[in-house]
Amino acid sequence: MYCDRIKKKLINSNPKIKIKKISNSISHVDADNSIGFIAADIGIKQAIKNAKKTGIGLVAVKRSGRDGHHRPDRSNCWSVRNQPQGPYPAE
């Protein structure tokens, strides 16, 4: 599937992926029509990086191919909350 899409130039095999910082918690990834799971990996890693700094990380990804988990006609967006590490209060 991916090889056919690359041959048809529907997927960019040499993308110039750009990450734009919107705020300390929010980033925007322009995936330059890359393979979706590569854009997803970059987006998730950036969300985790943001969350480690501020407690929450939000990343939107545009111009990515299908990543296998999301419909290709919808925007991909991930949010990560940095969970505090124990001890947890009793419930």
Protein backbone atom coordinates (compact mmCIF):
# COMPACT_ATOMS: atom_id res chain seq x y z
CA MET A 1 0.00 0.00 0.00
CA TYR A 2 2.66 2.55 1.00
CA CYS A 3 4.96 1.69 -1.93
CA ASP A 4 2.11 2.20 -4.40
CA ARG A 5 1.22 5.54 -2.82
CA ILE A 6 4.87 6.66 -2.96
CA LYS A 7 5.16 5.62 -6.65
CA LYS A 8 2.00 7.62 -7.42
CA LYS A 9 3.53 10.61 -5.56
CA LEU A 10 0.63 10.60 -3.08
CA ILE A 11 3.12 10.26 -0.23
CA ASN A 12 6.31 12.30 -0.02
CA SER A 13 9.22 9.87 0.43
CA ASN A 14 11.59 12.70 1.40
CA PRO A 15 9.50 15.07 3.53
CA LYS A 16 10.71 18.26 5.17
CA ILE A 17 8.78 17.93 8.41
CA LYS A 18 8.48 21.17 10.40
CA ILE A 19 7.51 21.60 14.04
CA LYS A 20 6.18 25.03 15.02
CA LYS A 21 6.03 25.94 18.68
CA ILE A 22 2.73 27.69 19.46
CA SER A 23 3.30 27.83 23.23
CA ASN A 24 5.20 25.80 25.82
CA SER A 25 2.35 23.24 25.78
CA ILE A 26 1.21 23.41 22.16
CA SER A 27 2.99 22.55 18.91
CA HIS A 28 1.95 22.21 15.29
CA VAL A 29 3.55 19.69 12.92
CA ASP A 30 3.50 20.16 9.15
CA ALA A 31 4.24 16.63 7.94
CA ASP A 32 4.76 17.61 4.27
CA ASN A 33 2.64 14.66 3.03
CA SER A 34 4.86 12.11 4.77
CA ILE A 35 3.85 8.57 5.67
CA GLY A 36 1.26 8.90 8.42
CA PHE A 37 2.87 6.73 11.06
CA ILE A 38 6.08 8.77 10.82
CA ALA A 39 4.14 12.00 11.32
CA ALA A 40 2.21 10.36 14.18
CA ASP A 41 5.43 9.28 15.89
CA ILE A 42 6.89 12.79 15.63
CA GLY A 43 3.65 14.33 16.89
CA ILE A 44 3.37 12.01 19.88
CA LYS A 45 7.03 12.51 20.84
CA GLN A 46 6.55 16.28 20.66
CA ALA A 47 3.39 16.08 22.81
CA ILE A 48 5.31 14.07 25.42
CA LYS A 49 8.19 16.57 25.32
CA ASN A 50 5.74 19.44 25.87
CA ALA A 51 3.98 17.58 28.69
CA LYS A 52 7.26 16.96 30.50
CA LYS A 53 7.85 20.73 30.59
CA THR A 54 4.39 22.05 31.43
CA GLY A 55 2.23 19.13 32.55
CA ILE A 56 0.24 18.98 29.31
CA GLY A 57 1.20 18.62 25.67
CA LEU A 58 -1.04 19.22 22.68
CA VAL A 59 0.09 18.66 19.10
CA ALA A 60 -1.82 19.05 15.85
CA VAL A 61 -0.50 17.43 12.67
CA LYS A 62 -1.40 18.54 9.17
CA ARG A 63 -0.53 17.14 5.74
CA SER A 64 0.19 13.59 6.85
CA GLY A 65 -0.77 10.34 5.21
CA ARG A 66 -2.93 7.73 6.84
CA ASP A 67 -1.44 6.39 10.08
CA GLY A 68 -3.61 3.30 10.34
CA HIS A 69 -5.55 4.48 13.39
CA HIS A 70 -7.29 7.65 12.25
CA ARG A 71 -9.49 8.38 9.29
CA PRO A 72 -7.43 10.13 6.59
CA ASP A 73 -10.11 12.79 6.10
CA ARG A 74 -9.79 14.09 9.67
CA SER A 75 -7.11 16.11 11.40
CA ASN A 76 -4.75 14.20 13.68
CA CYS A 77 -4.40 15.67 17.14
CA TRP A 78 -2.83 14.24 20.30
CA SER A 79 -2.95 15.41 23.85
CA VAL A 80 -0.68 14.07 26.58
CA ARG A 81 -0.97 14.84 30.28
CA ASN A 82 2.12 14.40 32.40
CA GLN A 83 0.96 12.26 35.31
CA PRO A 84 2.53 13.03 38.69
CA GLN A 85 4.60 10.19 40.06
CA GLY A 86 3.38 8.61 43.39
CA PRO A 87 2.76 8.62 46.27
CA TYR A 88 -0.94 9.05 45.53
CA PRO A 89 -3.42 10.22 48.13
CA ALA A 90 -5.75 7.57 49.52
CA GLU A 91 -9.19 7.55 47.95
